Amino acid sequence: MLSDKMRMVILFVFLVTLQSCDKDGGKSDSNLSGKPTQVVSPATKSESESYKLPAQVAVSHVFSDPNREDLFILRSEGSYPGNAVIHFTITASNGQTLYAEDFKASVLLNADKLADVATPGITDEGNNIAQNMQTFFSEANFSVPAIADDADFVPEYSDKAIWDEIKKDKTAVGFYYLLGTQTGRSIAWSKKQKKVVTYFSCC
């Protein structure tokens, strides 16, 4: 039989071993290196910088009918510089679409106006496009008659028959708009063809 002293030694060893197991068992994760485990969250891709253009710019102006105003509208879709598109329409007072043209918003970017900016960013370019949208239908871009008496026909930029028709009509209203820094277009309502025609386009 074991002596009382031996029983005490065995009990002491048992308790020490049990205490050591409890400490190790309290860990939810083991690390053989002894260093704390680092948890790294998956990297997330940040959204690209973009600029939200004005949703719509509209103005009413006499164009196809001297007694009624037509509605000129620029409507943006998407954000710049991604897939931003500008929809340009002219609608008669009766709801008929007289003219429709779609173009990338970037064509309204006038680089000349950004010449003083060292490194233009998306916001600078977006502001530039937004400003050009706001001034797209300025009164200075409308003219009556559409073609001045002293204006000369240039074969490279116009069609002779259309030019002559619009120039003879002294009540024709012309509208000029610029795409980019070089492409300028002049349109008017043809009473003969009953549609909008381009009587000048350069370059």
C-alpha atoms as a PDB file:
ATOM      1  CA  MET A   1       0.000   0.000   0.000  1.00  0.00           C
ATOM      2  CA  LEU A   2       1.020   3.529  -0.776  1.00  0.00           C
ATOM      3  CA  SER A   3       2.022   5.660   2.090  1.00  0.00           C
ATOM      4  CA  ASP A   4       0.270   8.926   2.821  1.00  0.00           C
ATOM      5  CA  LYS A   5       3.328  10.833   1.641  1.00  0.00           C
ATOM      6  CA  MET A   6       3.369   9.057  -1.715  1.00  0.00           C
ATOM      7  CA  ARG A   7      -0.338   9.727  -2.211  1.00  0.00           C
ATOM      8  CA  MET A   8       0.263  13.441  -1.631  1.00  0.00           C
ATOM      9  CA  VAL A   9       3.046  13.514  -4.253  1.00  0.00           C
ATOM     10  CA  ILE A  10       0.883  11.750  -6.855  1.00  0.00           C
ATOM     11  CA  LEU A  11      -2.054  14.109  -6.162  1.00  0.00           C
ATOM     12  CA  PHE A  12       0.210  17.151  -6.492  1.00  0.00           C
ATOM     13  CA  VAL A  13       1.588  16.009  -9.864  1.00  0.00           C
ATOM     14  CA  PHE A  14      -1.944  15.285 -11.096  1.00  0.00           C
ATOM     15  CA  LEU A  15      -3.206  18.747 -10.141  1.00  0.00           C
ATOM     16  CA  VAL A  16      -0.234  20.485 -11.784  1.00  0.00           C
ATOM     17  CA  THR A  17      -0.774  18.532 -15.018  1.00  0.00           C
ATOM     18  CA  LEU A  18      -4.516  19.287 -15.025  1.00  0.00           C
ATOM     19  CA  GLN A  19      -3.917  23.032 -14.540  1.00  0.00           C
ATOM     20  CA  SER A  20      -1.477  23.081 -17.484  1.00  0.00           C
ATOM     21  CA  CYS A  21      -4.022  21.383 -19.787  1.00  0.00           C
ATOM     22  CA  ASP A  22      -6.735  23.873 -18.832  1.00  0.00           C
ATOM     23  CA  LYS A  23      -4.522  26.800 -19.825  1.00  0.00           C
ATOM     24  CA  ASP A  24      -3.762  25.314 -23.242  1.00  0.00           C
ATOM     25  CA  GLY A  25      -7.370  24.282 -23.797  1.00  0.00           C
ATOM     26  CA  GLY A  26      -8.595  27.862 -23.328  1.00  0.00           C
ATOM     27  CA  LYS A  27      -6.980  28.910 -26.581  1.00  0.00           C
ATOM     28  CA  SER A  28      -9.354  28.981 -29.563  1.00  0.00           C
ATOM     29  CA  ASP A  29      -6.491  28.795 -32.056  1.00  0.00           C
ATOM     30  CA  SER A  30      -3.032  27.346 -31.778  1.00  0.00           C
ATOM     31  CA  ASN A  31       0.097  28.757 -33.326  1.00  0.00           C
ATOM     32  CA  LEU A  32       3.167  26.572 -33.336  1.00  0.00           C
ATOM     33  CA  SER A  33       5.464  29.565 -33.794  1.00  0.00           C
ATOM     34  CA  GLY A  34       4.169  31.172 -30.628  1.00  0.00           C
ATOM     35  CA  LYS A  35       3.369  34.416 -32.509  1.00  0.00           C
ATOM     36  CA  PRO A  36      -0.155  35.872 -32.603  1.00  0.00           C
ATOM     37  CA  THR A  37      -2.169  34.891 -35.691  1.00  0.00           C
ATOM     38  CA  GLN A  38      -2.819  37.845 -38.034  1.00  0.00           C
ATOM     39  CA  VAL A  39      -6.228  37.930 -39.739  1.00  0.00           C
ATOM     40  CA  VAL A  40      -6.162  39.810 -43.082  1.00  0.00           C
ATOM     41  CA  SER A  41      -9.446  40.940 -44.620  1.00  0.00           C
ATOM     42  CA  PRO A  42      -9.798  40.507 -48.394  1.00  0.00           C
ATOM     43  CA  ALA A  43      -8.711  43.624 -50.291  1.00  0.00           C
ATOM     44  CA  THR A  44     -11.562  45.625 -51.760  1.00  0.00           C
ATOM     45  CA  LYS A  45     -11.258  47.522 -55.027  1.00  0.00           C
ATOM     46  CA  SER A  46     -12.077  51.179 -54.554  1.00  0.00           C
ATOM     47  CA  GLU A  47     -14.440  52.843 -56.991  1.00  0.00           C
ATOM     48  CA  SER A  48     -12.869  54.901 -59.759  1.00  0.00           C
ATOM     49  CA  GLU A  49     -13.211  58.638 -59.452  1.00  0.00           C
ATOM     50  CA  SER A  50     -16.152  59.887 -61.498  1.00  0.00           C
ATOM     51  CA  TYR A  51     -18.102  63.077 -62.095  1.00  0.00           C
ATOM     52  CA  LYS A  52     -21.880  63.285 -62.231  1.00  0.00           C
ATOM     53  CA  LEU A  53     -22.908  65.632 -65.026  1.00  0.00           C
ATOM     54  CA  PRO A  54     -26.060  67.782 -64.917  1.00  0.00           C
ATOM     55  CA  ALA A  55     -29.038  65.536 -65.620  1.00  0.00           C
ATOM     56  CA  GLN A  56     -30.630  67.961 -68.066  1.00  0.00           C
ATOM     57  CA  VAL A  57     -30.281  71.390 -69.627  1.00  0.00           C
ATOM     58  CA  ALA A  58     -33.274  72.751 -71.517  1.00  0.00           C
ATOM     59  CA  VAL A  59     -34.385  75.942 -73.213  1.00  0.00           C
ATOM     60  CA  SER A  60     -37.421  76.957 -75.279  1.00  0.00           C
ATOM     61  CA  HIS A  61     -36.761  78.878 -78.478  1.00  0.00           C
ATOM     62  CA  VAL A  62     -38.481  79.714 -81.745  1.00  0.00           C
ATOM     63  CA  PHE A  63     -37.060  77.453 -84.427  1.00  0.00           C
ATOM     64  CA  SER A  64     -39.368  75.449 -86.690  1.00  0.00           C
ATOM     65  CA  ASP A  65     -42.430  77.655 -86.230  1.00  0.00           C
ATOM     66  CA  PRO A  66     -42.260  81.458 -85.888  1.00  0.00           C
ATOM     67  CA  ASN A  67     -45.368  81.414 -83.700  1.00  0.00           C
ATOM     68  CA  ARG A  68     -44.418  78.622 -81.312  1.00  0.00           C
ATOM     69  CA  GLU A  69     -41.304  77.715 -79.384  1.00  0.00           C
ATOM     70  CA  ASP A  70     -39.575  74.376 -79.685  1.00  0.00           C
ATOM     71  CA  LEU A  71     -37.863  72.671 -76.770  1.00  0.00           C
ATOM     72  CA  PHE A  72     -34.089  72.189 -76.953  1.00  0.00           C
ATOM     73  CA  ILE A  73     -32.764  69.608 -74.496  1.00  0.00           C
ATOM     74  CA  LEU A  74     -29.403  68.165 -73.500  1.00  0.00           C
ATOM     75  CA  ARG A  75     -29.791  65.092 -71.301  1.00  0.00           C
ATOM     76  CA  SER A  76     -26.832  63.272 -69.781  1.00  0.00           C
ATOM     77  CA  GLU A  77     -26.673  59.553 -69.095  1.00  0.00           C
ATOM     78  CA  GLY A  78     -23.960  57.899 -67.042  1.00  0.00           C
ATOM     79  CA  SER A  79     -20.993  59.436 -65.231  1.00  0.00           C
ATOM     80  CA  TYR A  80     -17.876  60.972 -66.691  1.00  0.00           C
ATOM     81  CA  PRO A  81     -15.420  59.625 -67.786  1.00  0.00           C
ATOM     82  CA  GLY A  82     -17.020  56.185 -67.944  1.00  0.00           C
ATOM     83  CA  ASN A  83     -19.911  55.648 -70.330  1.00  0.00           C
ATOM     84  CA  ALA A  84     -21.285  59.186 -70.152  1.00  0.00           C
ATOM     85  CA  VAL A  85     -23.443  60.033 -73.158  1.00  0.00           C
ATOM     86  CA  ILE A  86     -25.226  63.266 -74.079  1.00  0.00           C
ATOM     87  CA  HIS A  87     -28.606  63.124 -75.813  1.00  0.00           C
ATOM     88  CA  PHE A  88     -29.415  66.273 -77.801  1.00  0.00           C
ATOM     89  CA  THR A  89     -33.022  66.643 -78.931  1.00  0.00           C
ATOM     90  CA  ILE A  90     -35.301  69.309 -80.351  1.00  0.00           C
ATOM     91  CA  THR A  91     -39.005  68.767 -79.775  1.00  0.00           C
ATOM     92  CA  ALA A  92     -41.868  70.725 -81.335  1.00  0.00           C
ATOM     93  CA  SER A  93     -44.716  72.143 -79.280  1.00  0.00           C
ATOM     94  CA  ASN A  94     -46.927  69.251 -80.432  1.00  0.00           C
ATOM     95  CA  GLY A  95     -44.483  66.692 -79.022  1.00  0.00           C
ATOM     96  CA  GLN A  96     -42.910  65.696 -82.337  1.00  0.00           C
ATOM     97  CA  THR A  97     -39.175  65.032 -82.232  1.00  0.00           C
ATOM     98  CA  LEU A  98     -37.589  67.269 -84.839  1.00  0.00           C
ATOM     99  CA  TYR A  99     -33.963  66.424 -84.212  1.00  0.00           C
ATOM    100  CA  ALA A 100     -32.001  63.870 -82.197  1.00  0.00           C
ATOM    101  CA  GLU A 101     -28.288  63.308 -81.837  1.00  0.00           C
ATOM    102  CA  ASP A 102     -26.235  61.315 -79.340  1.00  0.00           C
ATOM    103  CA  PHE A 103     -22.566  61.870 -78.619  1.00  0.00           C
ATOM    104  CA  LYS A 104     -20.012  61.066 -75.960  1.00  0.00           C
ATOM    105  CA  ALA A 105     -19.822  63.600 -73.158  1.00  0.00           C
ATOM    106  CA  SER A 106     -16.101  63.946 -73.817  1.00  0.00           C
ATOM    107  CA  VAL A 107     -16.780  65.824 -77.070  1.00  0.00           C
ATOM    108  CA  LEU A 108     -18.053  68.733 -74.972  1.00  0.00           C
ATOM    109  CA  LEU A 109     -14.667  68.950 -73.296  1.00  0.00           C
ATOM    110  CA  ASN A 110     -12.959  72.162 -74.391  1.00  0.00           C
ATOM    111  CA  ALA A 111      -9.256  71.675 -73.798  1.00  0.00           C
ATOM    112  CA  ASP A 112      -8.532  75.351 -74.486  1.00  0.00           C
ATOM    113  CA  LYS A 113     -10.399  76.301 -71.317  1.00  0.00           C
ATOM    114  CA  LEU A 114      -8.181  73.959 -69.289  1.00  0.00           C
ATOM    115  CA  ALA A 115      -4.918  75.348 -70.639  1.00  0.00           C
ATOM    116  CA  ASP A 116      -4.157  77.105 -67.340  1.00  0.00           C
ATOM    117  CA  VAL A 117      -4.599  73.916 -65.303  1.00  0.00           C
ATOM    118  CA  ALA A 118      -1.258  72.123 -64.905  1.00  0.00           C
ATOM    119  CA  THR A 119      -2.671  68.622 -64.577  1.00  0.00           C
ATOM    120  CA  PRO A 120      -6.452  68.560 -65.169  1.00  0.00           C
ATOM    121  CA  GLY A 121      -8.220  65.914 -63.117  1.00  0.00           C
ATOM    122  CA  ILE A 122     -11.600  64.268 -63.583  1.00  0.00           C
ATOM    123  CA  THR A 123     -13.288  67.021 -61.563  1.00  0.00           C
ATOM    124  CA  ASP A 124     -11.679  69.743 -63.679  1.00  0.00           C
ATOM    125  CA  GLU A 125     -12.785  68.031 -66.875  1.00  0.00           C
ATOM    126  CA  GLY A 126     -16.255  67.309 -65.491  1.00  0.00           C
ATOM    127  CA  ASN A 127     -16.721  70.952 -64.495  1.00  0.00           C
ATOM    128  CA  ASN A 128     -15.610  71.982 -67.975  1.00  0.00           C
ATOM    129  CA  ILE A 129     -18.170  69.708 -69.638  1.00  0.00           C
ATOM    130  CA  ALA A 130     -20.915  70.829 -67.235  1.00  0.00           C
ATOM    131  CA  GLN A 131     -20.194  74.490 -68.020  1.00  0.00           C
ATOM    132  CA  ASN A 132     -20.320  73.793 -71.754  1.00  0.00           C
ATOM    133  CA  MET A 133     -23.649  72.040 -71.276  1.00  0.00           C
ATOM    134  CA  GLN A 134     -25.008  75.105 -69.480  1.00  0.00           C
ATOM    135  CA  THR A 135     -23.933  77.442 -72.303  1.00  0.00           C
ATOM    136  CA  PHE A 136     -24.804  75.070 -75.156  1.00  0.00           C
ATOM    137  CA  PHE A 137     -28.121  76.842 -75.806  1.00  0.00           C
ATOM    138  CA  SER A 138     -26.963  80.394 -75.164  1.00  0.00           C
ATOM    139  CA  GLU A 139     -28.766  83.056 -77.178  1.00  0.00           C
ATOM    140  CA  ALA A 140     -25.563  83.858 -79.047  1.00  0.00           C
ATOM    141  CA  ASN A 141     -25.795  80.447 -80.719  1.00  0.00           C
ATOM    142  CA  PHE A 142     -29.114  81.314 -82.370  1.00  0.00           C
ATOM    143  CA  SER A 143     -29.308  83.573 -85.405  1.00  0.00           C
ATOM    144  CA  VAL A 144     -32.011  85.146 -87.577  1.00  0.00           C
ATOM    145  CA  PRO A 145     -31.660  84.934 -90.474  1.00  0.00           C
ATOM    146  CA  ALA A 146     -29.777  81.673 -90.221  1.00  0.00           C
ATOM    147  CA  ILE A 147     -27.276  82.713 -92.897  1.00  0.00           C
ATOM    148  CA  ALA A 148     -26.125  86.302 -93.233  1.00  0.00           C
ATOM    149  CA  ASP A 149     -26.295  87.979 -96.622  1.00  0.00           C
ATOM    150  CA  ASP A 150     -22.518  88.351 -96.800  1.00  0.00           C
ATOM    151  CA  ALA A 151     -21.782  84.726 -95.866  1.00  0.00           C
ATOM    152  CA  ASP A 152     -20.028  82.764 -98.610  1.00  0.00           C
ATOM    153  CA  PHE A 153     -20.790  79.185 -99.569  1.00  0.00           C
ATOM    154  CA  VAL A 154     -17.885  76.785 -98.959  1.00  0.00           C
ATOM    155  CA  PRO A 155     -18.316  73.458-100.809  1.00  0.00           C
ATOM    156  CA  GLU A 156     -16.244  71.515 -98.255  1.00  0.00           C
ATOM    157  CA  TYR A 157     -18.541  72.466 -95.407  1.00  0.00           C
ATOM    158  CA  SER A 158     -22.031  72.551 -96.885  1.00  0.00           C
ATOM    159  CA  ASP A 159     -24.493  71.335 -99.486  1.00  0.00           C
ATOM    160  CA  LYS A 160     -25.267  73.908-102.171  1.00  0.00           C
ATOM    161  CA  ALA A 161     -28.997  73.213-102.422  1.00  0.00           C
ATOM    162  CA  ILE A 162     -29.483  73.327 -98.647  1.00  0.00           C
ATOM    163  CA  TRP A 163     -27.323  76.433 -98.299  1.00  0.00           C
ATOM    164  CA  ASP A 164     -29.258  78.326-100.973  1.00  0.00           C
ATOM    165  CA  GLU A 165     -32.640  77.350 -99.531  1.00  0.00           C
ATOM    166  CA  ILE A 166     -31.799  78.412 -95.982  1.00  0.00           C
ATOM    167  CA  LYS A 167     -30.042  81.601 -97.107  1.00  0.00           C
ATOM    168  CA  LYS A 168     -33.088  82.717 -99.115  1.00  0.00           C
ATOM    169  CA  ASP A 169     -35.370  82.218 -96.124  1.00  0.00           C
ATOM    170  CA  LYS A 170     -34.896  85.382 -94.081  1.00  0.00           C
ATOM    171  CA  THR A 171     -37.116  84.028 -91.300  1.00  0.00           C
ATOM    172  CA  ALA A 172     -35.092  80.838 -90.872  1.00  0.00           C
ATOM    173  CA  VAL A 173     -33.601  80.428 -87.396  1.00  0.00           C
ATOM    174  CA  GLY A 174     -30.125  78.987 -87.284  1.00  0.00           C
ATOM    175  CA  PHE A 175     -28.580  77.171 -84.338  1.00  0.00           C
ATOM    176  CA  TYR A 176     -24.841  76.669 -84.044  1.00  0.00           C
ATOM    177  CA  TYR A 177     -23.163  74.249 -81.651  1.00  0.00           C
ATOM    178  CA  LEU A 178     -19.602  73.196 -81.045  1.00  0.00           C
ATOM    179  CA  LEU A 179     -18.382  69.677 -80.339  1.00  0.00           C
ATOM    180  CA  GLY A 180     -14.865  69.701 -78.952  1.00  0.00           C
ATOM    181  CA  THR A 181     -12.685  72.589 -80.046  1.00  0.00           C
ATOM    182  CA  GLN A 182     -13.034  72.233 -83.813  1.00  0.00           C
ATOM    183  CA  THR A 183     -16.258  70.564 -84.950  1.00  0.00           C
ATOM    184  CA  GLY A 184     -18.911  73.218 -85.414  1.00  0.00           C
ATOM    185  CA  ARG A 185     -22.376  72.585 -86.850  1.00  0.00           C
ATOM    186  CA  SER A 186     -25.150  74.895 -87.942  1.00  0.00           C
ATOM    187  CA  ILE A 187     -28.684  73.587 -88.315  1.00  0.00           C
ATOM    188  CA  ALA A 188     -32.008  75.101 -89.316  1.00  0.00           C
ATOM    189  CA  TRP A 189     -35.560  74.054 -90.092  1.00  0.00           C
ATOM    190  CA  SER A 190     -36.171  73.512 -93.799  1.00  0.00           C
ATOM    191  CA  LYS A 191     -39.686  74.616 -94.665  1.00  0.00           C
ATOM    192  CA  LYS A 192     -39.322  72.912 -98.022  1.00  0.00           C
ATOM    193  CA  GLN A 193     -38.171  69.535 -96.677  1.00  0.00           C
ATOM    194  CA  LYS A 194     -40.030  69.907 -93.384  1.00  0.00           C
ATOM    195  CA  LYS A 195     -37.112  68.697 -91.331  1.00  0.00           C
ATOM    196  CA  VAL A 196     -33.975  69.938 -89.637  1.00  0.00           C
ATOM    197  CA  VAL A 197     -31.023  70.263 -92.005  1.00  0.00           C
ATOM    198  CA  THR A 198     -27.335  70.896 -91.483  1.00  0.00           C
ATOM    199  CA  TYR A 199     -26.255  73.820 -93.625  1.00  0.00           C
ATOM    200  CA  PHE A 200     -22.717  74.070 -92.271  1.00  0.00           C
ATOM    201  CA  SER A 201     -20.331  71.551 -90.677  1.00  0.00           C
ATOM    202  CA  CYS A 202     -16.654  72.033 -90.055  1.00  0.00           C
ATOM    203  CA  CYS A 203     -14.135  70.504 -89.575  1.00  0.00           C
END
